[in-house]
Protein backbone atom coordinates (compact mmCIF):
# COMPACT_ATOMS: atom_id res chain seq x y z
CA UNK A 1 65.97 -96.36 215.42
CA UNK A 2 65.38 -92.78 216.61
CA UNK A 3 61.64 -93.43 216.36
CA UNK A 4 61.98 -96.64 218.39
CA UNK A 5 63.82 -94.72 221.11
CA UNK A 6 61.13 -92.03 221.23
CA UNK A 7 58.43 -94.71 221.46
CA UNK A 8 60.24 -96.40 224.35
CA UNK A 9 60.62 -93.09 226.19
CA UNK A 10 56.91 -92.31 225.78
CA UNK A 11 55.88 -95.77 226.93
CA UNK A 12 58.28 -95.63 229.89
CA UNK A 13 56.67 -92.37 231.00
CA UNK A 14 53.23 -93.98 230.72
CA UNK A 15 54.43 -96.98 232.74
CA UNK A 16 55.75 -94.68 235.46
CA UNK A 17 52.40 -92.85 235.67
CA UNK A 18 50.54 -96.18 235.80
CA UNK A 19 52.81 -97.31 238.65
CA UNK A 20 52.34 -94.09 240.62
CA UNK A 21 48.56 -94.27 240.24
CA UNK A 22 48.39 -97.90 241.41
CA UNK A 23 47.24 -99.38 238.09
CA UNK A 24 49.47 -102.44 238.47
CA UNK A 25 47.60 -103.25 241.67
CA UNK A 26 44.64 -104.17 239.47
CA UNK A 27 46.64 -106.83 237.62
CA UNK A 28 46.50 -110.46 238.74
CA UNK A 29 50.17 -111.55 238.51
CA UNK A 30 49.56 -115.30 239.00
CA UNK A 31 49.21 -116.27 235.30
CA UNK A 32 52.21 -114.13 234.29
CA UNK A 33 55.79 -115.41 233.86
CA UNK A 34 58.21 -114.80 236.78
CA UNK A 35 59.98 -111.78 235.17
CA UNK A 36 56.63 -110.03 234.68
CA UNK A 37 55.60 -110.81 238.26
CA UNK A 38 58.87 -109.31 239.50
CA UNK A 39 58.36 -106.19 237.36
CA UNK A 40 54.88 -105.68 238.83
CA UNK A 41 56.22 -106.04 242.38
CA UNK A 42 58.88 -103.40 241.65
CA UNK A 43 56.32 -101.08 240.02
CA UNK A 44 54.08 -101.32 243.08
CA UNK A 45 56.89 -100.01 245.29
CA UNK A 46 56.41 -96.51 243.86
CA UNK A 47 52.61 -96.32 244.23
CA UNK A 48 51.30 -93.15 245.84
CA UNK A 49 49.88 -93.80 249.29
CA UNK A 50 46.35 -92.85 248.27
CA UNK A 51 46.53 -94.63 244.87
CA UNK A 52 44.32 -97.52 245.97
CA UNK A 53 41.21 -95.34 246.15
CA UNK A 54 39.02 -94.37 243.21
CA UNK A 55 39.25 -95.30 239.54
CA UNK A 56 42.99 -95.82 239.23
CA UNK A 57 43.26 -96.48 235.51
CA UNK A 58 40.96 -93.59 234.60
CA UNK A 59 43.01 -91.29 236.81
CA UNK A 60 46.29 -92.39 235.19
CA UNK A 61 44.95 -92.00 231.63
CA UNK A 62 43.64 -88.53 232.44
CA UNK A 63 47.11 -87.53 233.67
CA UNK A 64 48.69 -88.84 230.45
CA UNK A 65 46.58 -86.65 228.18
CA UNK A 66 43.91 -86.67 225.43
CA UNK A 67 45.22 -89.61 223.38
CA UNK A 68 45.28 -91.85 226.44
CA UNK A 69 41.79 -90.69 227.39
CA UNK A 70 40.61 -91.76 223.93
CA UNK A 71 42.45 -95.07 224.32
CA UNK A 72 40.73 -95.62 227.68
CA UNK A 73 37.30 -94.87 226.25
CA UNK A 74 37.99 -97.27 223.40
CA UNK A 75 39.24 -100.02 225.74
CA UNK A 76 36.08 -99.59 227.82
CA UNK A 77 34.40 -101.24 224.84
CA UNK A 78 36.86 -104.18 225.00
CA UNK A 79 36.37 -106.14 228.25
CA UNK A 80 37.83 -109.12 226.39
CA UNK A 81 41.15 -107.28 226.35
CA UNK A 82 41.31 -105.42 229.68
CA UNK A 83 38.90 -107.53 231.74
CA UNK A 84 35.47 -106.68 233.10
CA UNK A 85 36.77 -104.85 236.22
CA UNK A 86 39.02 -102.51 234.25
CA UNK A 87 36.33 -101.94 231.61
CA UNK A 88 33.97 -100.77 234.36
CA UNK A 89 36.71 -98.51 235.73
CA UNK A 90 37.13 -96.97 232.27
CA UNK A 91 33.41 -96.34 231.83
CA UNK A 92 33.77 -93.40 234.22
CA UNK A 93 36.44 -91.79 232.03
CA UNK A 94 35.21 -88.41 230.84
CA UNK A 95 36.57 -86.77 227.70
CA UNK A 96 36.30 -83.23 229.04
CA UNK A 97 38.90 -80.50 228.76
CA UNK A 98 38.89 -76.74 229.27
CA UNK A 99 37.80 -74.93 226.10
CA UNK A 100 40.45 -73.35 223.90
CA UNK A 101 40.18 -69.58 223.39
CA UNK A 102 37.26 -68.08 221.48
CA UNK A 103 39.70 -66.20 219.25
CA UNK A 104 41.26 -69.48 218.07
CA UNK A 105 37.85 -70.94 217.29
CA UNK A 106 36.94 -67.87 215.26
CA UNK A 107 40.27 -67.99 213.42
CA UNK A 108 39.69 -71.67 212.55
CA UNK A 109 36.22 -70.90 211.14
CA UNK A 110 37.37 -67.89 209.14
CA UNK A 111 40.30 -69.84 207.68
CA UNK A 112 38.04 -72.76 206.77
CA UNK A 113 35.54 -70.63 204.84
CA UNK A 114 37.86 -67.78 203.78
CA UNK A 115 35.51 -65.05 204.93
CA UNK A 116 34.82 -63.03 208.10
CA UNK A 117 32.81 -64.67 210.87
CA UNK A 118 30.04 -62.05 210.47
CA UNK A 119 29.40 -63.34 206.93
CA UNK A 120 29.03 -66.92 208.17
CA UNK A 121 27.04 -66.60 211.41
CA UNK A 122 24.68 -63.88 212.59
CA UNK A 123 25.79 -64.59 216.15
CA UNK A 124 28.54 -66.81 217.60
CA UNK A 125 28.62 -67.62 221.32
CA UNK A 126 31.15 -69.04 223.76
CA UNK A 127 31.88 -72.77 223.91
CA UNK A 128 29.19 -74.82 225.67
CA UNK A 129 31.17 -78.11 225.74
CA UNK A 130 34.83 -79.04 225.15
CA UNK A 131 36.58 -82.39 224.64
CA UNK A 132 39.99 -83.60 223.50
CA UNK A 133 39.36 -83.25 219.77
CA UNK A 134 36.80 -80.46 219.40
CA UNK A 135 34.47 -78.11 221.21
CA UNK A 136 30.89 -76.97 220.54
CA UNK A 137 29.53 -73.42 220.32
CA UNK A 138 25.95 -72.19 220.08
CA UNK A 139 25.48 -69.83 217.16
CA UNK A 140 22.74 -68.38 214.94
CA UNK A 141 22.34 -68.19 211.18
CA UNK A 142 20.01 -65.82 209.34
CA UNK A 143 17.99 -66.80 206.29
CA UNK A 144 15.46 -64.40 204.71
CA UNK A 145 15.44 -62.31 207.87
CA UNK A 146 14.73 -65.34 210.10
CA UNK A 147 17.31 -66.41 212.68
CA UNK A 148 17.80 -70.05 213.57
CA UNK A 149 20.03 -71.51 216.30
CA UNK A 150 22.74 -73.97 215.28
CA UNK A 151 25.44 -76.01 217.01
CA UNK A 152 28.97 -75.40 215.67
CA UNK A 153 31.66 -78.00 216.37
CA UNK A 154 35.23 -76.68 215.93
CA UNK A 155 38.35 -78.85 215.84
CA UNK A 156 41.12 -78.05 218.34
CA UNK A 157 44.09 -76.37 216.64
CA UNK A 158 47.13 -78.66 216.07
CA UNK A 159 45.37 -81.62 217.68
CA UNK A 160 46.53 -84.09 215.05
CA UNK A 161 50.27 -83.98 215.79
CA UNK A 162 49.94 -85.04 219.46
CA UNK A 163 47.58 -87.88 218.62
CA UNK A 164 49.84 -89.16 215.82
CA UNK A 165 52.88 -89.31 218.12
CA UNK A 166 51.05 -91.24 220.84
CA UNK A 167 49.35 -93.58 218.36
CA UNK A 168 52.74 -94.43 216.84
CA UNK A 169 53.93 -95.45 220.32
CA UNK A 170 50.79 -97.58 220.78
CA UNK A 171 51.50 -99.34 217.46
CA UNK A 172 55.08 -100.03 218.51
CA UNK A 173 53.97 -101.54 221.83
CA UNK A 174 51.24 -103.66 220.17
CA UNK A 175 53.67 -105.05 217.58
CA UNK A 176 56.20 -105.99 220.26
CA UNK A 177 53.52 -107.67 222.39
CA UNK A 178 52.16 -109.68 219.47
CA UNK A 179 55.71 -110.80 218.71
CA UNK A 180 56.08 -112.14 222.25
CA UNK A 181 52.60 -113.45 223.16
CA UNK A 182 50.17 -115.78 221.41
CA UNK A 183 47.37 -114.34 223.57
CA UNK A 184 48.21 -110.86 222.27
CA UNK A 185 47.98 -112.22 218.72
CA UNK A 186 44.59 -113.80 219.49
CA UNK A 187 43.32 -110.48 220.84
CA UNK A 188 44.70 -108.70 217.74
CA UNK A 189 46.34 -105.85 219.64
CA UNK A 190 47.76 -104.30 216.47
CA UNK A 191 44.31 -104.35 214.90
CA UNK A 192 42.87 -102.73 218.04
CA UNK A 193 45.35 -99.87 217.75
CA UNK A 194 44.63 -99.50 214.04
CA UNK A 195 40.89 -99.41 214.76
CA UNK A 196 41.48 -96.69 217.34
CA UNK A 197 43.67 -94.78 214.87
CA UNK A 198 40.98 -94.97 212.17
CA UNK A 199 38.33 -93.85 214.65
CA UNK A 200 40.43 -90.88 215.75
CA UNK A 201 41.27 -89.98 212.13
CA UNK A 202 37.57 -89.95 211.28
CA UNK A 203 36.78 -87.83 214.34
CA UNK A 204 39.42 -85.33 213.21
CA UNK A 205 37.69 -84.77 209.86
CA UNK A 206 34.35 -83.26 210.78
CA UNK A 207 33.07 -83.78 207.23
CA UNK A 208 33.11 -87.51 207.96
CA UNK A 209 31.06 -87.01 211.12
CA UNK A 210 28.62 -84.93 209.08
CA UNK A 211 28.45 -87.76 206.53
CA UNK A 212 27.73 -90.30 209.29
CA UNK A 213 24.99 -88.05 210.63
CA UNK A 214 23.54 -87.66 207.15
CA UNK A 215 23.66 -91.42 206.50
CA UNK A 216 21.84 -92.22 209.72
CA UNK A 217 19.25 -89.52 208.93
CA UNK A 218 18.64 -91.20 205.59
CA UNK A 219 18.37 -94.65 207.19
CA UNK A 220 15.88 -93.47 209.83
CA UNK A 221 13.79 -90.98 207.85
CA UNK A 222 10.70 -93.23 208.10
CA UNK A 223 11.20 -94.18 211.77
CA UNK A 224 8.35 -92.66 213.81
CA UNK A 225 10.20 -92.28 217.12
CA UNK A 226 13.79 -91.47 216.19
CA UNK A 227 15.54 -88.68 214.30
CA UNK A 228 18.89 -86.91 213.96
CA UNK A 229 19.90 -83.23 213.65
CA UNK A 230 20.15 -81.87 210.11
CA UNK A 231 23.57 -80.89 208.76
CA UNK A 232 24.28 -77.41 207.39
CA UNK A 233 26.65 -78.47 204.61
CA UNK A 234 27.32 -74.86 203.51
CA UNK A 235 28.91 -74.20 206.92
CA UNK A 236 30.73 -77.52 207.29
CA UNK A 237 34.39 -78.23 206.44
CA UNK A 238 37.29 -80.39 207.61
CA UNK A 239 37.61 -78.36 210.83
CA UNK A 240 34.02 -77.12 211.33
CA UNK A 241 30.67 -78.92 211.58
CA UNK A 242 27.43 -76.95 211.71
CA UNK A 243 24.16 -78.68 212.50
CA UNK A 244 20.69 -78.10 213.88
CA UNK A 245 20.59 -77.01 217.53
CA UNK A 246 18.64 -79.52 219.64
CA UNK A 247 16.36 -78.03 222.29
CA UNK A 248 15.24 -81.36 223.71
CA UNK A 249 15.81 -82.77 227.18
CA UNK A 250 18.96 -84.84 227.68
CA UNK A 251 18.30 -88.37 228.89
CA UNK A 252 20.64 -87.78 231.83
CA UNK A 253 18.33 -85.02 233.15
CA UNK A 254 15.89 -87.28 234.99
CA UNK A 255 14.18 -84.41 236.87
CA UNK A 256 13.23 -82.54 233.67
CA UNK A 257 12.08 -85.74 231.99
CA UNK A 258 9.73 -86.52 234.88
CA UNK A 259 8.52 -82.91 235.12
CA UNK A 260 7.67 -82.94 231.41
CA UNK A 261 5.36 -85.93 231.83
CA UNK A 262 7.27 -88.10 229.36
CA UNK A 263 6.38 -91.80 229.43
CA UNK A 264 9.75 -93.08 230.65
CA UNK A 265 9.08 -96.83 230.26
CA UNK A 266 7.96 -96.21 226.66
CA UNK A 267 11.11 -94.14 226.11
CA UNK A 268 13.23 -97.05 227.34
CA UNK A 269 11.50 -99.49 224.97
CA UNK A 270 11.96 -97.04 222.09
CA UNK A 271 15.67 -96.76 222.85
CA UNK A 272 16.22 -100.54 222.81
CA UNK A 273 14.22 -101.08 219.62
CA UNK A 274 15.80 -98.12 217.81
CA UNK A 275 19.31 -99.37 218.57
CA UNK A 276 18.54 -102.94 217.42
CA UNK A 277 16.80 -101.61 214.32
CA UNK A 278 19.86 -99.56 213.38
CA UNK A 279 22.23 -102.48 214.03
CA UNK A 280 20.18 -105.18 212.26
CA UNK A 281 18.27 -103.35 209.56
CA UNK A 282 20.90 -100.75 208.62
CA UNK A 283 24.16 -102.33 209.79
CA UNK A 284 25.12 -98.83 210.98
CA UNK A 285 24.69 -97.72 214.58
CA UNK A 286 25.66 -94.93 216.95
CA UNK A 287 28.39 -96.47 219.12
CA UNK A 288 28.44 -93.80 221.85
CA UNK A 289 24.83 -93.76 223.04
CA UNK A 290 25.40 -92.56 226.59
CA UNK A 291 22.61 -90.42 228.10
CA UNK A 292 24.45 -87.14 227.41
CA UNK A 293 24.33 -87.86 223.67
CA UNK A 294 20.60 -88.65 223.65
CA UNK A 295 17.70 -86.19 223.82
CA UNK A 296 13.93 -86.35 223.65
CA UNK A 297 11.94 -83.50 222.11
CA UNK A 298 8.46 -82.20 222.97
CA UNK A 299 6.94 -84.67 220.48
CA UNK A 300 8.59 -87.63 222.20
CA UNK A 301 11.15 -88.27 219.43
CA UNK A 302 14.46 -89.75 220.49
CA UNK A 303 17.32 -87.65 219.06
CA UNK A 304 20.99 -88.67 218.99
CA UNK A 305 23.95 -86.28 218.69
CA UNK A 306 27.76 -86.62 218.43
CA UNK A 307 28.37 -89.05 215.57
CA UNK A 308 32.15 -89.26 215.94
CA UNK A 309 32.08 -92.96 216.94
CA UNK A 310 29.97 -95.23 214.74
CA UNK A 311 29.72 -99.00 214.36
CA UNK A 312 29.11 -101.06 211.24
CA UNK A 313 27.95 -104.64 210.80
CA UNK A 314 28.10 -106.55 207.53
CA UNK A 315 25.32 -108.89 206.51
CA UNK A 316 27.20 -111.87 207.97
CA UNK A 317 27.51 -110.14 211.36
CA UNK A 318 23.85 -109.09 211.32
CA UNK A 319 22.73 -112.64 210.54
CA UNK A 320 25.01 -113.88 213.31
CA UNK A 321 23.53 -111.42 215.82
CA UNK A 322 19.90 -112.09 214.88
CA UNK A 323 20.25 -115.88 214.92
CA UNK A 324 22.09 -116.08 218.24
CA UNK A 325 19.54 -113.79 219.89
CA UNK A 326 16.66 -115.87 218.52
CA UNK A 327 18.51 -119.08 219.43
CA UNK A 328 18.78 -118.01 223.06
CA UNK A 329 15.14 -116.90 223.09
CA UNK A 330 14.02 -120.34 221.78
CA UNK A 331 16.74 -122.31 223.67
CA UNK A 332 18.08 -123.76 220.40
CA UNK A 333 21.69 -123.93 221.56
CA UNK A 334 22.89 -126.15 218.77
CA UNK A 335 21.71 -123.57 216.24
CA UNK A 336 23.58 -120.86 218.15
CA UNK A 337 26.72 -123.02 217.96
CA UNK A 338 26.21 -123.76 214.25
CA UNK A 339 25.92 -120.03 213.49
CA UNK A 340 29.38 -119.46 214.99
CA UNK A 341 30.87 -122.18 212.77
CA UNK A 342 28.99 -121.05 209.65
CA UNK A 343 30.25 -117.50 210.13
CA UNK A 344 33.80 -118.84 210.40
CA UNK A 345 34.24 -117.34 213.87
CA UNK A 346 35.17 -120.68 215.51
CA UNK A 347 37.81 -122.87 213.78
CA UNK A 348 36.37 -125.98 212.15
CA UNK A 349 38.62 -128.37 214.09
CA UNK A 350 36.48 -127.78 217.19
CA UNK A 351 33.35 -129.83 217.91
CA UNK A 352 29.96 -128.23 217.29
CA UNK A 353 28.52 -130.44 220.06
CA UNK A 354 31.11 -129.30 222.61
CA UNK A 355 30.56 -125.68 221.67
CA UNK A 356 26.77 -126.11 221.96
CA UNK A 357 27.35 -127.53 225.45
CA UNK A 358 29.29 -124.39 226.41
CA UNK A 359 26.51 -122.22 224.98
CA UNK A 360 23.94 -124.14 227.03
CA UNK A 361 25.92 -123.33 230.19
CA UNK A 362 25.27 -119.66 229.41
CA UNK A 363 21.67 -119.95 228.24
CA UNK A 364 20.07 -122.27 230.77
CA UNK A 365 20.56 -120.01 233.85
CA UNK A 366 18.73 -117.27 231.95
CA UNK A 367 15.53 -119.33 231.74
CA UNK A 368 15.43 -119.75 235.50
CA UNK A 369 15.12 -116.01 236.06
CA UNK A 370 12.42 -113.41 235.65
CA UNK A 371 12.48 -111.57 232.33
CA UNK A 372 13.42 -108.27 233.96
CA UNK A 373 16.54 -109.90 235.48
CA UNK A 374 17.93 -111.05 232.15
CA UNK A 375 20.55 -108.81 230.54
CA UNK A 376 21.03 -109.19 226.81
CA UNK A 377 24.34 -107.31 227.08
CA UNK A 378 25.53 -109.62 229.88
CA UNK A 379 24.58 -112.59 227.72
CA UNK A 380 26.74 -111.35 224.84
CA UNK A 381 29.59 -110.65 227.28
CA UNK A 382 29.50 -114.23 228.56
CA UNK A 383 29.24 -115.53 225.02
CA UNK A 384 32.37 -113.67 223.97
CA UNK A 385 34.20 -115.00 227.05
CA UNK A 386 33.29 -118.61 226.22
CA UNK A 387 34.33 -118.26 222.58
CA UNK A 388 37.88 -117.54 223.75
CA UNK A 389 38.06 -121.18 224.95
CA UNK A 390 37.37 -122.29 221.37
CA UNK A 391 40.02 -120.10 219.69
CA UNK A 392 37.49 -117.60 218.38
CA UNK A 393 39.49 -114.58 217.31
CA UNK A 394 38.27 -111.23 218.59
CA UNK A 395 35.71 -109.51 216.38
CA UNK A 396 36.04 -105.75 217.05
CA UNK A 397 32.70 -104.94 215.41
CA UNK A 398 30.87 -107.42 217.66
CA UNK A 399 32.64 -106.12 220.78
CA UNK A 400 31.63 -102.56 219.91
CA UNK A 401 28.06 -103.72 219.41
CA UNK A 402 28.08 -105.57 222.74
CA UNK A 403 29.48 -102.59 224.64
CA UNK A 404 26.99 -100.18 223.09
CA UNK A 405 24.23 -102.58 224.04
CA UNK A 406 25.46 -102.49 227.66
CA UNK A 407 25.02 -98.70 227.70
CA UNK A 408 21.69 -98.72 225.88
CA UNK A 409 20.29 -101.44 228.10
CA UNK A 410 21.45 -99.60 231.22
CA UNK A 411 19.77 -96.37 230.14
CA UNK A 412 16.54 -98.18 229.21
CA UNK A 413 16.38 -100.01 232.54
CA UNK A 414 17.02 -96.77 234.44
CA UNK A 415 13.66 -95.63 233.07
CA UNK A 416 11.93 -98.94 233.78
CA UNK A 417 13.72 -101.36 236.16
CA UNK A 418 11.17 -104.08 235.25
CA UNK A 419 11.75 -103.74 231.52
CA UNK A 420 11.65 -107.10 229.73
CA UNK A 421 14.53 -106.68 227.29
CA UNK A 422 13.72 -109.89 225.42
CA UNK A 423 10.06 -109.19 224.69
CA UNK A 424 11.09 -105.66 223.66
CA UNK A 425 13.74 -106.96 221.27
CA UNK A 426 11.75 -109.94 219.97
CA UNK A 427 9.64 -108.14 217.31
CA UNK A 428 12.66 -106.35 215.86
CA UNK A 429 14.73 -109.54 215.71
CA UNK A 430 11.93 -111.70 214.27
CA UNK A 431 11.01 -109.05 211.70
CA UNK A 432 14.61 -108.91 210.47
CA UNK A 433 14.87 -112.69 210.29
CA UNK A 434 11.59 -112.99 208.36
CA UNK A 435 12.67 -110.31 205.90
CA UNK A 436 16.23 -111.54 205.36
CA UNK A 437 16.27 -115.27 206.18
CA UNK A 438 12.70 -116.16 205.23
CA UNK A 439 11.40 -116.97 201.71
CA UNK A 440 11.53 -113.37 200.46
CA UNK A 441 15.04 -112.91 201.84
CA UNK A 442 16.25 -116.13 200.22
CA UNK A 443 14.87 -115.04 196.83
CA UNK A 444 16.64 -111.69 197.16
CA UNK A 445 19.87 -113.44 198.21
CA UNK A 446 19.60 -115.76 195.20
CA UNK A 447 19.13 -112.79 192.87
CA UNK A 448 22.12 -111.04 194.42
CA UNK A 449 24.17 -114.24 194.08
CA UNK A 450 23.24 -114.52 190.42
CA UNK A 451 24.45 -110.97 189.85
CA UNK A 452 27.72 -111.73 191.64
CA UNK A 453 28.19 -114.88 189.55
CA UNK A 454 27.65 -112.88 186.36
CA UNK A 455 30.30 -110.36 187.36
CA UNK A 456 32.72 -113.19 188.17
CA UNK A 457 32.15 -114.82 184.74
CA UNK A 458 32.72 -111.49 182.98
CA UNK A 459 36.00 -111.11 184.84
CA UNK A 460 37.32 -114.60 184.11
CA UNK A 461 39.38 -113.68 180.96
CA UNK A 462 41.28 -110.95 182.81
CA UNK A 463 41.73 -113.22 185.83
CA UNK A 464 43.15 -116.01 183.63
CA UNK A 465 45.56 -113.56 181.98
CA UNK A 466 46.87 -112.31 185.35
CA UNK A 467 47.19 -115.91 186.60
CA UNK A 468 49.24 -116.90 183.54
CA UNK A 469 51.59 -113.93 184.02
CA UNK A 470 52.05 -114.83 187.72
CA UNK A 471 52.87 -118.47 186.80
CA UNK A 472 55.48 -117.32 184.29
CA UNK A 473 57.14 -115.09 186.88
CA UNK A 474 57.11 -117.90 189.47
CA UNK A 475 58.67 -120.30 186.93
CA UNK A 476 61.46 -117.79 186.24
CA UNK A 477 62.21 -117.46 189.97
CA UNK A 478 62.29 -121.24 190.54
CA UNK A 479 64.52 -121.73 187.48
CA UNK A 480 67.01 -118.94 188.14
CA UNK A 481 66.62 -118.50 191.91
CA UNK A 482 66.17 -115.27 193.81
CA UNK A 483 69.50 -113.43 193.64
CA UNK A 484 70.48 -110.54 195.89
CA UNK A 485 73.21 -108.16 194.79
CA UNK A 486 76.31 -108.10 197.04
CA UNK A 487 75.69 -104.46 197.93
CA UNK A 488 72.13 -105.37 199.01
CA UNK A 489 73.42 -108.11 201.35
CA UNK A 490 75.99 -105.69 202.81
CA UNK A 491 73.33 -103.00 203.33
CA UNK A 492 71.04 -105.47 205.11
CA UNK A 493 73.84 -106.53 207.45
CA UNK A 494 74.74 -102.94 208.27
CA UNK A 495 71.10 -102.07 208.91
CA UNK A 496 70.74 -105.00 211.34
CA UNK A 497 73.93 -103.97 213.15
CA UNK A 498 72.69 -100.39 213.54
CA UNK A 499 69.37 -101.69 214.84
CA UNK A 500 71.10 -103.78 217.52
CA UNK A 501 73.31 -100.89 218.62
CA UNK A 502 70.35 -98.48 218.89
CA UNK A 503 68.22 -100.97 220.81
CA UNK A 504 71.01 -101.53 223.35
CA UNK A 505 71.52 -97.79 223.74
CA UNK A 506 67.76 -97.23 224.08
CA UNK A 507 67.49 -99.79 226.86
CA UNK A 508 70.31 -98.11 228.83
CA UNK A 509 68.74 -94.67 228.36
CA UNK A 510 65.34 -95.92 229.53
CA UNK A 511 66.89 -97.57 232.58
CA UNK A 512 68.66 -94.33 233.51
CA UNK A 513 65.48 -92.32 232.89
CA UNK A 514 63.47 -94.62 235.16
CA UNK A 515 66.12 -94.34 237.90
CA UNK A 516 65.98 -90.54 237.63
CA UNK A 517 62.19 -90.57 237.85
CA UNK A 518 62.25 -92.87 240.87
CA UNK A 519 64.86 -90.70 242.56
CA UNK A 520 62.84 -87.50 241.96
CA UNK A 521 59.61 -89.15 243.21
């Protein structure tokens, strides 16, 4: 109960900050029940006078601290949850903080490797970038008398405790909302929080980021126009990641790109095709491909950095993506609808014909426009909106893909406003379909299926034994009943009574805290 009280206090503080920054002014109260409408009207009474200007939600999340900034960045990838307007607001949210002291960074490195800094790096400079979880330093290593620059990412000291406290409050809120709202259950709010928690946990172990970087390097080693920095595993640990220093030009430095004579339209096409290749061919893509994380070197190679946020697609999701893209290209709307049903994304009690009709309403307007006016990311956004009408449960991996595509497409079109996204994507999509859904792909799938069947047959004796044991246990329960000891029943009753008392006390404390905050404002 103490933990519930602390969660309520944290969430009440967040609600107060949201109210002061005018966030509730972004909410349409009309579909909400009367108590919620009244609560929003009360919250709006304490808005700051200048709260209506600027990115309100981004401003509030920044005030609330690093965990909320991460939550905002994550929700920017979920317009299905927060709405398109709020998602756009959150896109401006920057995960930038002042750097922590150089002495603390050095202490972290020396503790990680149990040796003095001078034995690890020949030179170690000040931080060049700092965010909520880690900061980056430029350093040099020396091998056989030759010095080489490296980038060293160092985790913030004690960062885990603050994130864990806030994430526990997020879980509490999501569980309560799912208990009250069927829409919250459809959107899988608890799963969203758990996905965020897993993402943050992976970002807090820099060995996992190094592994993601290494995996993508392996996947793309034969790609002619894309590469990743190399990892220095000898100087990498839980709290420290050392990798190759990239001297290329960042894609957000338009002036340097133009001055260097780089073919910008070709760079845009390379970006689109590289992203689709990673998503379809590898099922593993960089999910934070904003221009600051992308560079181009003197040879014209596209280089990605910062592998803290990655996306994965299973074979089913990749087939789904490829077939719906090809279906829209060829205007085969029934096939697009069938793919949704085959993947199990839309419940079978719905009509394929009705769903195909809804898909047509999205696809037909596209074919009345010039190719450079068609947004593949906008198409997927509309598709995900329509699927909500047919009880399609949210697929976090597809939302992350869609949001990354929005960013990638925006960057590519900034280099070439007339870029035909569809003709650029077409060879990658068709190549994947031919390889995986054509004759060769079907033979490989059959071979894989035969292997799976063999493993299932080998496991049948053990499966039958476990099934027999489960049946015997079930028979014993049905024959004798499930009996609880008297002391167990008494303990359960006492626990429920304590829970009720604590919840009542918590509500009074929160009410008094809110009154105090309002009075001090």
